[in-house]
């Protein structure tokens, strides 16, 4: 027997024989056990990394690179350090904003994956150092790190690297002189399993100059209007997150968050799976 869930161009198939489903775009697996979708047994820990950072990350001078980090657990958040000092991403400097403030943390019984990208533009010697991804909940924290090292040109081929480096340097200077950068989403919820009836806060944090505008689209591809009306299922928060006020089965599927400004846009998808409350 097979069960299907249709999302934005993706079909998630649950096969009873293998009892597992692959959400390809989210790079996440779910298992059907006793009629309920759950994370695989190896990912039932309270807090864990999906994938690891390399011990050493190398880059050419003036390259732009992206570090990726993904954490699973009970609504985990992610932030980054460089050599032990927190890196500011986005405009908010209120670190209380890290947590899902609009959820009853005591009532969060489901699991989720949170993903983050750290954008390092036009790296140089000052960019070298240890970059640490921190995944945490109100009660637990895990870390992993990578050491960014610039590649040193080989003296036997000095002319070509110098020419390439000069071109990269000019490109970096041009970008910095303009001052504007394309909208980029640096933190988002990629997968959320939660009990029906609970409030659910989905992360979507962005950066860019000018400041990006954030839009959300529901599982029917319809744009969610920015309203705080008590009659609406949703509220788009000031930091770009989406609050589902009372999770219901009709919310099952893929939502999308889009951030855009005059320089560019970025989009991420979030798969939502409401679960029955075993006490009901």
C-alpha atoms as a PDB file:
ATOM      1  CA  UNK A   1       0.000   0.000   0.000  1.00  0.00           C
ATOM      2  CA  UNK A   2       1.194   3.535  -0.774  1.00  0.00           C
ATOM      3  CA  UNK A   3       0.132   6.907   0.569  1.00  0.00           C
ATOM      4  CA  UNK A   4       0.876  10.132  -1.280  1.00  0.00           C
ATOM      5  CA  UNK A   5       1.210  13.760  -0.223  1.00  0.00           C
ATOM      6  CA  UNK A   6       1.421  16.279  -3.079  1.00  0.00           C
ATOM      7  CA  UNK A   7       3.395  19.491  -2.446  1.00  0.00           C
ATOM      8  CA  UNK A   8       4.896  22.172  -4.751  1.00  0.00           C
ATOM      9  CA  UNK A   9       5.928  19.903  -7.614  1.00  0.00           C
ATOM     10  CA  UNK A  10       7.016  17.154  -5.213  1.00  0.00           C
ATOM     11  CA  UNK A  11       5.316  13.853  -4.422  1.00  0.00           C
ATOM     12  CA  UNK A  12       6.138  12.360  -1.041  1.00  0.00           C
ATOM     13  CA  UNK A  13       5.426   8.619  -1.138  1.00  0.00           C
ATOM     14  CA  UNK A  14       5.055   6.524   1.999  1.00  0.00           C
ATOM     15  CA  UNK A  15       5.610   2.846   1.318  1.00  0.00           C
ATOM     16  CA  UNK A  16       4.293   0.560   4.024  1.00  0.00           C
ATOM     17  CA  UNK A  17       6.925  -2.058   3.234  1.00  0.00           C
ATOM     18  CA  UNK A  18       9.837   0.335   3.844  1.00  0.00           C
ATOM     19  CA  UNK A  19       7.834   2.574   6.229  1.00  0.00           C
ATOM     20  CA  UNK A  20       9.888   5.559   5.183  1.00  0.00           C
ATOM     21  CA  UNK A  21       9.303   8.601   3.025  1.00  0.00           C
ATOM     22  CA  UNK A  22      11.874  10.859   1.437  1.00  0.00           C
ATOM     23  CA  UNK A  23      11.181  14.589   1.153  1.00  0.00           C
ATOM     24  CA  UNK A  24      13.652  15.229  -1.637  1.00  0.00           C
ATOM     25  CA  UNK A  25      13.771  19.011  -1.582  1.00  0.00           C
ATOM     26  CA  UNK A  26      14.133  19.078   2.190  1.00  0.00           C
ATOM     27  CA  UNK A  27      16.770  16.290   2.283  1.00  0.00           C
ATOM     28  CA  UNK A  28      14.866  14.787   5.205  1.00  0.00           C
ATOM     29  CA  UNK A  29      13.337  11.406   5.962  1.00  0.00           C
ATOM     30  CA  UNK A  30      10.182  10.522   7.852  1.00  0.00           C
ATOM     31  CA  UNK A  31       9.012   7.104   8.991  1.00  0.00           C
ATOM     32  CA  UNK A  32       5.504   5.715   9.339  1.00  0.00           C
ATOM     33  CA  UNK A  33       5.267   3.883  12.638  1.00  0.00           C
ATOM     34  CA  UNK A  34       1.927   2.777  14.054  1.00  0.00           C
ATOM     35  CA  UNK A  35       0.155   5.015  11.558  1.00  0.00           C
ATOM     36  CA  UNK A  36       2.036   8.156  12.624  1.00  0.00           C
ATOM     37  CA  UNK A  37       4.786   9.987  10.721  1.00  0.00           C
ATOM     38  CA  UNK A  38       7.909  10.363  12.846  1.00  0.00           C
ATOM     39  CA  UNK A  39      11.597  11.012  12.381  1.00  0.00           C
ATOM     40  CA  UNK A  40      13.733   7.896  11.827  1.00  0.00           C
ATOM     41  CA  UNK A  41      14.932   6.246  15.077  1.00  0.00           C
ATOM     42  CA  UNK A  42      18.469   7.567  14.496  1.00  0.00           C
ATOM     43  CA  UNK A  43      17.082  11.135  14.538  1.00  0.00           C
ATOM     44  CA  UNK A  44      14.869  10.895  17.614  1.00  0.00           C
ATOM     45  CA  UNK A  45      17.509  12.625  19.734  1.00  0.00           C
ATOM     46  CA  UNK A  46      16.612  15.913  21.413  1.00  0.00           C
ATOM     47  CA  UNK A  47      19.130  17.914  19.378  1.00  0.00           C
ATOM     48  CA  UNK A  48      21.412  16.807  16.546  1.00  0.00           C
ATOM     49  CA  UNK A  49      23.185  17.977  13.393  1.00  0.00           C
ATOM     50  CA  UNK A  50      22.166  16.816   9.928  1.00  0.00           C
ATOM     51  CA  UNK A  51      25.509  16.748   8.150  1.00  0.00           C
ATOM     52  CA  UNK A  52      28.818  18.126   9.367  1.00  0.00           C
ATOM     53  CA  UNK A  53      31.064  21.060   8.567  1.00  0.00           C
ATOM     54  CA  UNK A  54      34.493  20.136   7.179  1.00  0.00           C
ATOM     55  CA  UNK A  55      37.416  20.513   9.564  1.00  0.00           C
ATOM     56  CA  UNK A  56      39.035  22.948   7.122  1.00  0.00           C
ATOM     57  CA  UNK A  57      37.351  25.168   4.515  1.00  0.00           C
ATOM     58  CA  UNK A  58      39.660  26.651   1.872  1.00  0.00           C
ATOM     59  CA  UNK A  59      38.985  29.648  -0.365  1.00  0.00           C
ATOM     60  CA  UNK A  60      40.855  31.936  -2.719  1.00  0.00           C
ATOM     61  CA  UNK A  61      41.367  35.531  -1.691  1.00  0.00           C
ATOM     62  CA  UNK A  62      38.310  37.649  -2.630  1.00  0.00           C
ATOM     63  CA  UNK A  63      36.107  34.577  -3.150  1.00  0.00           C
ATOM     64  CA  UNK A  64      32.576  34.561  -1.767  1.00  0.00           C
ATOM     65  CA  UNK A  65      31.624  31.359   0.063  1.00  0.00           C
ATOM     66  CA  UNK A  66      28.645  29.980   1.951  1.00  0.00           C
ATOM     67  CA  UNK A  67      28.758  27.771   5.056  1.00  0.00           C
ATOM     68  CA  UNK A  68      25.771  25.479   5.620  1.00  0.00           C
ATOM     69  CA  UNK A  69      24.392  24.126   8.884  1.00  0.00           C
ATOM     70  CA  UNK A  70      21.245  22.085   9.632  1.00  0.00           C
ATOM     71  CA  UNK A  71      19.962  21.115  13.081  1.00  0.00           C
ATOM     72  CA  UNK A  72      17.128  18.811  14.122  1.00  0.00           C
ATOM     73  CA  UNK A  73      15.231  18.811  17.411  1.00  0.00           C
ATOM     74  CA  UNK A  74      12.393  20.604  19.140  1.00  0.00           C
ATOM     75  CA  UNK A  75      12.228  23.909  17.240  1.00  0.00           C
ATOM     76  CA  UNK A  76      16.004  24.541  17.349  1.00  0.00           C
ATOM     77  CA  UNK A  77      17.568  27.846  16.354  1.00  0.00           C
ATOM     78  CA  UNK A  78      20.986  28.468  14.816  1.00  0.00           C
ATOM     79  CA  UNK A  79      23.561  31.226  15.079  1.00  0.00           C
ATOM     80  CA  UNK A  80      27.239  31.508  14.140  1.00  0.00           C
ATOM     81  CA  UNK A  81      30.490  32.524  15.835  1.00  0.00           C
ATOM     82  CA  UNK A  82      33.839  33.588  14.405  1.00  0.00           C
ATOM     83  CA  UNK A  83      36.721  32.854  16.763  1.00  0.00           C
ATOM     84  CA  UNK A  84      34.220  32.710  19.626  1.00  0.00           C
ATOM     85  CA  UNK A  85      32.474  36.022  18.826  1.00  0.00           C
ATOM     86  CA  UNK A  86      28.890  36.051  17.616  1.00  0.00           C
ATOM     87  CA  UNK A  87      28.311  37.057  13.975  1.00  0.00           C
ATOM     88  CA  UNK A  88      25.453  39.471  13.362  1.00  0.00           C
ATOM     89  CA  UNK A  89      23.088  38.296  10.631  1.00  0.00           C
ATOM     90  CA  UNK A  90      20.141  40.421   9.577  1.00  0.00           C
ATOM     91  CA  UNK A  91      19.098  43.677  11.208  1.00  0.00           C
ATOM     92  CA  UNK A  92      17.874  42.484  14.616  1.00  0.00           C
ATOM     93  CA  UNK A  93      20.353  42.721  17.465  1.00  0.00           C
ATOM     94  CA  UNK A  94      17.921  41.367  20.049  1.00  0.00           C
ATOM     95  CA  UNK A  95      19.209  37.859  20.642  1.00  0.00           C
ATOM     96  CA  UNK A  96      15.954  36.963  22.392  1.00  0.00           C
ATOM     97  CA  UNK A  97      14.668  36.928  18.832  1.00  0.00           C
ATOM     98  CA  UNK A  98      16.546  33.640  18.335  1.00  0.00           C
ATOM     99  CA  UNK A  99      13.810  31.628  20.001  1.00  0.00           C
ATOM    100  CA  UNK A 100      10.260  30.914  18.860  1.00  0.00           C
ATOM    101  CA  UNK A 101       8.730  33.507  21.161  1.00  0.00           C
ATOM    102  CA  UNK A 102       5.184  32.960  19.955  1.00  0.00           C
ATOM    103  CA  UNK A 103       5.059  29.273  20.842  1.00  0.00           C
ATOM    104  CA  UNK A 104       4.426  27.648  24.178  1.00  0.00           C
ATOM    105  CA  UNK A 105       7.816  25.954  24.448  1.00  0.00           C
ATOM    106  CA  UNK A 106       6.485  23.610  27.111  1.00  0.00           C
ATOM    107  CA  UNK A 107       3.865  22.402  24.626  1.00  0.00           C
ATOM    108  CA  UNK A 108       6.267  21.744  21.720  1.00  0.00           C
ATOM    109  CA  UNK A 109       6.254  17.969  21.393  1.00  0.00           C
ATOM    110  CA  UNK A 110       6.994  17.570  17.684  1.00  0.00           C
ATOM    111  CA  UNK A 111      10.312  17.772  15.877  1.00  0.00           C
ATOM    112  CA  UNK A 112      11.698  20.093  13.243  1.00  0.00           C
ATOM    113  CA  UNK A 113      14.745  20.846  11.149  1.00  0.00           C
ATOM    114  CA  UNK A 114      16.197  24.346  11.104  1.00  0.00           C
ATOM    115  CA  UNK A 115      18.704  25.317   8.403  1.00  0.00           C
ATOM    116  CA  UNK A 116      21.137  28.210   8.168  1.00  0.00           C
ATOM    117  CA  UNK A 117      23.582  29.684   5.691  1.00  0.00           C
ATOM    118  CA  UNK A 118      26.477  31.951   6.605  1.00  0.00           C
ATOM    119  CA  UNK A 119      27.460  34.142   3.655  1.00  0.00           C
ATOM    120  CA  UNK A 120      31.095  35.268   3.577  1.00  0.00           C
ATOM    121  CA  UNK A 121      31.593  37.785   0.784  1.00  0.00           C
ATOM    122  CA  UNK A 122      34.966  38.776  -0.669  1.00  0.00           C
ATOM    123  CA  UNK A 123      37.059  36.899   1.877  1.00  0.00           C
ATOM    124  CA  UNK A 124      40.564  38.082   2.722  1.00  0.00           C
ATOM    125  CA  UNK A 125      43.152  37.491   5.441  1.00  0.00           C
ATOM    126  CA  UNK A 126      40.860  39.082   8.042  1.00  0.00           C
ATOM    127  CA  UNK A 127      38.219  36.467   7.201  1.00  0.00           C
ATOM    128  CA  UNK A 128      40.429  33.544   8.233  1.00  0.00           C
ATOM    129  CA  UNK A 129      39.502  31.881  11.493  1.00  0.00           C
ATOM    130  CA  UNK A 130      37.273  29.299  13.151  1.00  0.00           C
ATOM    131  CA  UNK A 131      33.579  29.510  12.277  1.00  0.00           C
ATOM    132  CA  UNK A 132      31.197  27.733  14.628  1.00  0.00           C
ATOM    133  CA  UNK A 133      27.592  26.762  14.031  1.00  0.00           C
ATOM    134  CA  UNK A 134      25.569  26.664  17.249  1.00  0.00           C
ATOM    135  CA  UNK A 135      22.272  24.815  17.348  1.00  0.00           C
ATOM    136  CA  UNK A 136      20.215  25.280  20.467  1.00  0.00           C
ATOM    137  CA  UNK A 137      16.889  25.066  22.220  1.00  0.00           C
ATOM    138  CA  UNK A 138      16.012  26.729  25.542  1.00  0.00           C
ATOM    139  CA  UNK A 139      17.508  23.688  27.334  1.00  0.00           C
ATOM    140  CA  UNK A 140      20.300  22.338  25.126  1.00  0.00           C
ATOM    141  CA  UNK A 141      23.141  23.430  22.837  1.00  0.00           C
ATOM    142  CA  UNK A 142      25.397  21.679  20.312  1.00  0.00           C
ATOM    143  CA  UNK A 143      28.276  23.052  18.229  1.00  0.00           C
ATOM    144  CA  UNK A 144      30.423  22.211  15.229  1.00  0.00           C
ATOM    145  CA  UNK A 145      33.203  24.241  13.617  1.00  0.00           C
ATOM    146  CA  UNK A 146      35.276  24.712  10.497  1.00  0.00           C
ATOM    147  CA  UNK A 147      38.571  26.558  10.069  1.00  0.00           C
ATOM    148  CA  UNK A 148      38.590  28.938   7.085  1.00  0.00           C
ATOM    149  CA  UNK A 149      42.014  29.100   5.436  1.00  0.00           C
ATOM    150  CA  UNK A 150      42.959  31.126   2.347  1.00  0.00           C
ATOM    151  CA  UNK A 151      44.773  29.327  -0.423  1.00  0.00           C
ATOM    152  CA  UNK A 152      48.291  30.584  -1.064  1.00  0.00           C
ATOM    153  CA  UNK A 153      49.263  30.776  -4.787  1.00  0.00           C
ATOM    154  CA  UNK A 154      51.960  28.426  -6.006  1.00  0.00           C
ATOM    155  CA  UNK A 155      55.056  30.426  -6.951  1.00  0.00           C
ATOM    156  CA  UNK A 156      55.437  28.387 -10.184  1.00  0.00           C
ATOM    157  CA  UNK A 157      52.105  29.756 -11.445  1.00  0.00           C
ATOM    158  CA  UNK A 158      52.211  33.198  -9.866  1.00  0.00           C
ATOM    159  CA  UNK A 159      51.188  35.277 -12.890  1.00  0.00           C
ATOM    160  CA  UNK A 160      47.802  33.623 -13.500  1.00  0.00           C
ATOM    161  CA  UNK A 161      46.660  33.608  -9.846  1.00  0.00           C
ATOM    162  CA  UNK A 162      47.714  37.261  -9.497  1.00  0.00           C
ATOM    163  CA  UNK A 163      45.681  38.236 -12.572  1.00  0.00           C
ATOM    164  CA  UNK A 164      42.675  36.301 -11.306  1.00  0.00           C
ATOM    165  CA  UNK A 165      43.108  37.775  -7.841  1.00  0.00           C
ATOM    166  CA  UNK A 166      43.231  41.306  -9.256  1.00  0.00           C
ATOM    167  CA  UNK A 167      39.991  40.725 -11.161  1.00  0.00           C
ATOM    168  CA  UNK A 168      38.336  39.305  -8.021  1.00  0.00           C
ATOM    169  CA  UNK A 169      39.630  42.248  -6.001  1.00  0.00           C
ATOM    170  CA  UNK A 170      38.107  44.768  -8.425  1.00  0.00           C
ATOM    171  CA  UNK A 171      34.806  42.872  -8.363  1.00  0.00           C
ATOM    172  CA  UNK A 172      34.775  42.991  -4.560  1.00  0.00           C
ATOM    173  CA  UNK A 173      35.547  46.709  -4.522  1.00  0.00           C
ATOM    174  CA  UNK A 174      32.744  47.370  -6.989  1.00  0.00           C
ATOM    175  CA  UNK A 175      30.270  45.446  -4.845  1.00  0.00           C
ATOM    176  CA  UNK A 176      31.333  47.256  -1.690  1.00  0.00           C
ATOM    177  CA  UNK A 177      31.248  50.693  -3.348  1.00  0.00           C
ATOM    178  CA  UNK A 178      27.657  50.178  -4.498  1.00  0.00           C
ATOM    179  CA  UNK A 179      26.684  49.064  -0.998  1.00  0.00           C
ATOM    180  CA  UNK A 180      23.558  47.178  -2.073  1.00  0.00           C
ATOM    181  CA  UNK A 181      23.292  43.390  -1.755  1.00  0.00           C
ATOM    182  CA  UNK A 182      20.667  40.942  -2.953  1.00  0.00           C
ATOM    183  CA  UNK A 183      18.112  39.567  -0.498  1.00  0.00           C
ATOM    184  CA  UNK A 184      19.232  36.278   1.058  1.00  0.00           C
ATOM    185  CA  UNK A 185      17.490  33.986   3.534  1.00  0.00           C
ATOM    186  CA  UNK A 186      20.005  32.940   6.193  1.00  0.00           C
ATOM    187  CA  UNK A 187      17.765  31.016   8.636  1.00  0.00           C
ATOM    188  CA  UNK A 188      14.614  29.002   8.005  1.00  0.00           C
ATOM    189  CA  UNK A 189      12.574  26.039   9.202  1.00  0.00           C
ATOM    190  CA  UNK A 190      12.866  23.291   6.589  1.00  0.00           C
ATOM    191  CA  UNK A 191      10.600  20.668   8.178  1.00  0.00           C
ATOM    192  CA  UNK A 192       8.125  20.775  11.070  1.00  0.00           C
ATOM    193  CA  UNK A 193       6.112  18.002  12.711  1.00  0.00           C
ATOM    194  CA  UNK A 194       3.758  19.198  15.444  1.00  0.00           C
ATOM    195  CA  UNK A 195       0.530  18.258  17.209  1.00  0.00           C
ATOM    196  CA  UNK A 196      -2.664  19.697  15.800  1.00  0.00           C
ATOM    197  CA  UNK A 197      -4.109  22.484  17.895  1.00  0.00           C
ATOM    198  CA  UNK A 198      -0.721  23.985  18.801  1.00  0.00           C
ATOM    199  CA  UNK A 199       0.713  27.330  17.685  1.00  0.00           C
ATOM    200  CA  UNK A 200       3.626  26.902  15.270  1.00  0.00           C
ATOM    201  CA  UNK A 201       6.262  29.524  14.423  1.00  0.00           C
ATOM    202  CA  UNK A 202       8.137  28.951  11.163  1.00  0.00           C
ATOM    203  CA  UNK A 203      11.491  30.719  10.820  1.00  0.00           C
ATOM    204  CA  UNK A 204      12.354  32.856   7.795  1.00  0.00           C
ATOM    205  CA  UNK A 205      15.127  35.362   8.508  1.00  0.00           C
ATOM    206  CA  UNK A 206      16.685  37.375   5.699  1.00  0.00           C
ATOM    207  CA  UNK A 207      19.378  39.955   5.043  1.00  0.00           C
ATOM    208  CA  UNK A 208      20.249  42.351   2.249  1.00  0.00           C
ATOM    209  CA  UNK A 209      20.449  46.017   1.332  1.00  0.00           C
ATOM    210  CA  UNK A 210      17.927  47.543   0.916  1.00  0.00           C
ATOM    211  CA  UNK A 211      16.117  45.564   3.621  1.00  0.00           C
ATOM    212  CA  UNK A 212      14.243  42.650   2.024  1.00  0.00           C
ATOM    213  CA  UNK A 213      10.478  42.319   1.943  1.00  0.00           C
ATOM    214  CA  UNK A 214       9.274  38.895   3.092  1.00  0.00           C
ATOM    215  CA  UNK A 215       6.264  37.117   1.625  1.00  0.00           C
ATOM    216  CA  UNK A 216       4.704  33.765   2.536  1.00  0.00           C
ATOM    217  CA  UNK A 217       2.702  31.333   0.415  1.00  0.00           C
ATOM    218  CA  UNK A 218       0.572  28.567   1.890  1.00  0.00           C
ATOM    219  CA  UNK A 219       0.276  24.912   0.867  1.00  0.00           C
ATOM    220  CA  UNK A 220      -2.196  25.917  -1.856  1.00  0.00           C
ATOM    221  CA  UNK A 221       0.314  28.383  -3.359  1.00  0.00           C
ATOM    222  CA  UNK A 222      -1.813  31.298  -2.218  1.00  0.00           C
ATOM    223  CA  UNK A 223      -0.127  34.415  -0.841  1.00  0.00           C
ATOM    224  CA  UNK A 224      -0.630  34.880   2.894  1.00  0.00           C
ATOM    225  CA  UNK A 225      -1.715  38.427   3.631  1.00  0.00           C
ATOM    226  CA  UNK A 226       0.178  40.297   6.393  1.00  0.00           C
ATOM    227  CA  UNK A 227      -2.595  40.615   8.970  1.00  0.00           C
ATOM    228  CA  UNK A 228      -2.938  40.086  12.709  1.00  0.00           C
ATOM    229  CA  UNK A 229      -6.706  39.598  12.549  1.00  0.00           C
ATOM    230  CA  UNK A 230      -8.021  37.164  15.124  1.00  0.00           C
ATOM    231  CA  UNK A 231      -9.995  35.494  12.322  1.00  0.00           C
ATOM    232  CA  UNK A 232      -6.899  34.691  10.253  1.00  0.00           C
ATOM    233  CA  UNK A 233      -5.061  31.366  10.513  1.00  0.00           C
ATOM    234  CA  UNK A 234      -1.746  33.179  10.160  1.00  0.00           C
ATOM    235  CA  UNK A 235       0.320  36.140  11.286  1.00  0.00           C
ATOM    236  CA  UNK A 236       3.516  37.317   9.592  1.00  0.00           C
ATOM    237  CA  UNK A 237       5.821  38.540  12.361  1.00  0.00           C
ATOM    238  CA  UNK A 238       8.131  41.568  12.238  1.00  0.00           C
ATOM    239  CA  UNK A 239      11.223  39.372  11.883  1.00  0.00           C
ATOM    240  CA  UNK A 240       9.760  37.595   8.815  1.00  0.00           C
ATOM    241  CA  UNK A 241       8.612  34.424  10.591  1.00  0.00           C
ATOM    242  CA  UNK A 242       5.161  32.956  10.014  1.00  0.00           C
ATOM    243  CA  UNK A 243       2.924  32.124  12.957  1.00  0.00           C
ATOM    244  CA  UNK A 244       0.296  29.434  12.392  1.00  0.00           C
ATOM    245  CA  UNK A 245      -2.013  30.221  15.283  1.00  0.00           C
ATOM    246  CA  UNK A 246      -3.646  26.807  15.582  1.00  0.00           C
ATOM    247  CA  UNK A 247      -2.206  23.970  13.520  1.00  0.00           C
ATOM    248  CA  UNK A 248      -4.798  21.911  11.659  1.00  0.00           C
ATOM    249  CA  UNK A 249      -4.708  19.048   9.167  1.00  0.00           C
ATOM    250  CA  UNK A 250      -5.566  21.462   6.342  1.00  0.00           C
ATOM    251  CA  UNK A 251      -2.106  23.037   6.825  1.00  0.00           C
ATOM    252  CA  UNK A 252      -0.306  19.834   5.790  1.00  0.00           C
ATOM    253  CA  UNK A 253       2.053  20.402   2.862  1.00  0.00           C
ATOM    254  CA  UNK A 254       4.747  22.787   1.701  1.00  0.00           C
ATOM    255  CA  UNK A 255       4.731  26.481   2.542  1.00  0.00           C
ATOM    256  CA  UNK A 256       7.143  28.886   0.891  1.00  0.00           C
ATOM    257  CA  UNK A 257       8.945  31.941   2.195  1.00  0.00           C
ATOM    258  CA  UNK A 258      10.303  34.522  -0.261  1.00  0.00           C
ATOM    259  CA  UNK A 259      12.598  37.471   0.508  1.00  0.00           C
ATOM    260  CA  UNK A 260      13.251  40.120  -2.144  1.00  0.00           C
ATOM    261  CA  UNK A 261      14.659  43.595  -2.699  1.00  0.00           C
ATOM    262  CA  UNK A 262      15.722  45.589  -5.740  1.00  0.00           C
ATOM    263  CA  UNK A 263      18.955  43.559  -5.997  1.00  0.00           C
ATOM    264  CA  UNK A 264      17.526  40.027  -6.031  1.00  0.00           C
ATOM    265  CA  UNK A 265      15.384  37.431  -4.296  1.00  0.00           C
ATOM    266  CA  UNK A 266      15.647  34.150  -2.404  1.00  0.00           C
ATOM    267  CA  UNK A 267      13.069  31.459  -1.622  1.00  0.00           C
ATOM    268  CA  UNK A 268      12.928  28.524   0.780  1.00  0.00           C
ATOM    269  CA  UNK A 269      10.302  25.814   1.258  1.00  0.00           C
ATOM    270  CA  UNK A 270       9.014  24.477   4.567  1.00  0.00           C
ATOM    271  CA  UNK A 271       7.167  21.164   4.846  1.00  0.00           C
ATOM    272  CA  UNK A 272       4.509  21.007   7.580  1.00  0.00           C
ATOM    273  CA  UNK A 273       3.067  17.764   8.924  1.00  0.00           C
ATOM    274  CA  UNK A 274       0.326  18.062  11.601  1.00  0.00           C
ATOM    275  CA  UNK A 275       0.076  15.068  13.946  1.00  0.00           C
ATOM    276  CA  UNK A 276      -2.846  13.716  15.930  1.00  0.00           C
ATOM    277  CA  UNK A 277      -2.648  14.279  19.669  1.00  0.00           C
ATOM    278  CA  UNK A 278      -2.442  10.766  21.202  1.00  0.00           C
ATOM    279  CA  UNK A 279      -4.329  12.032  24.253  1.00  0.00           C
ATOM    280  CA  UNK A 280      -7.389  12.921  22.156  1.00  0.00           C
END
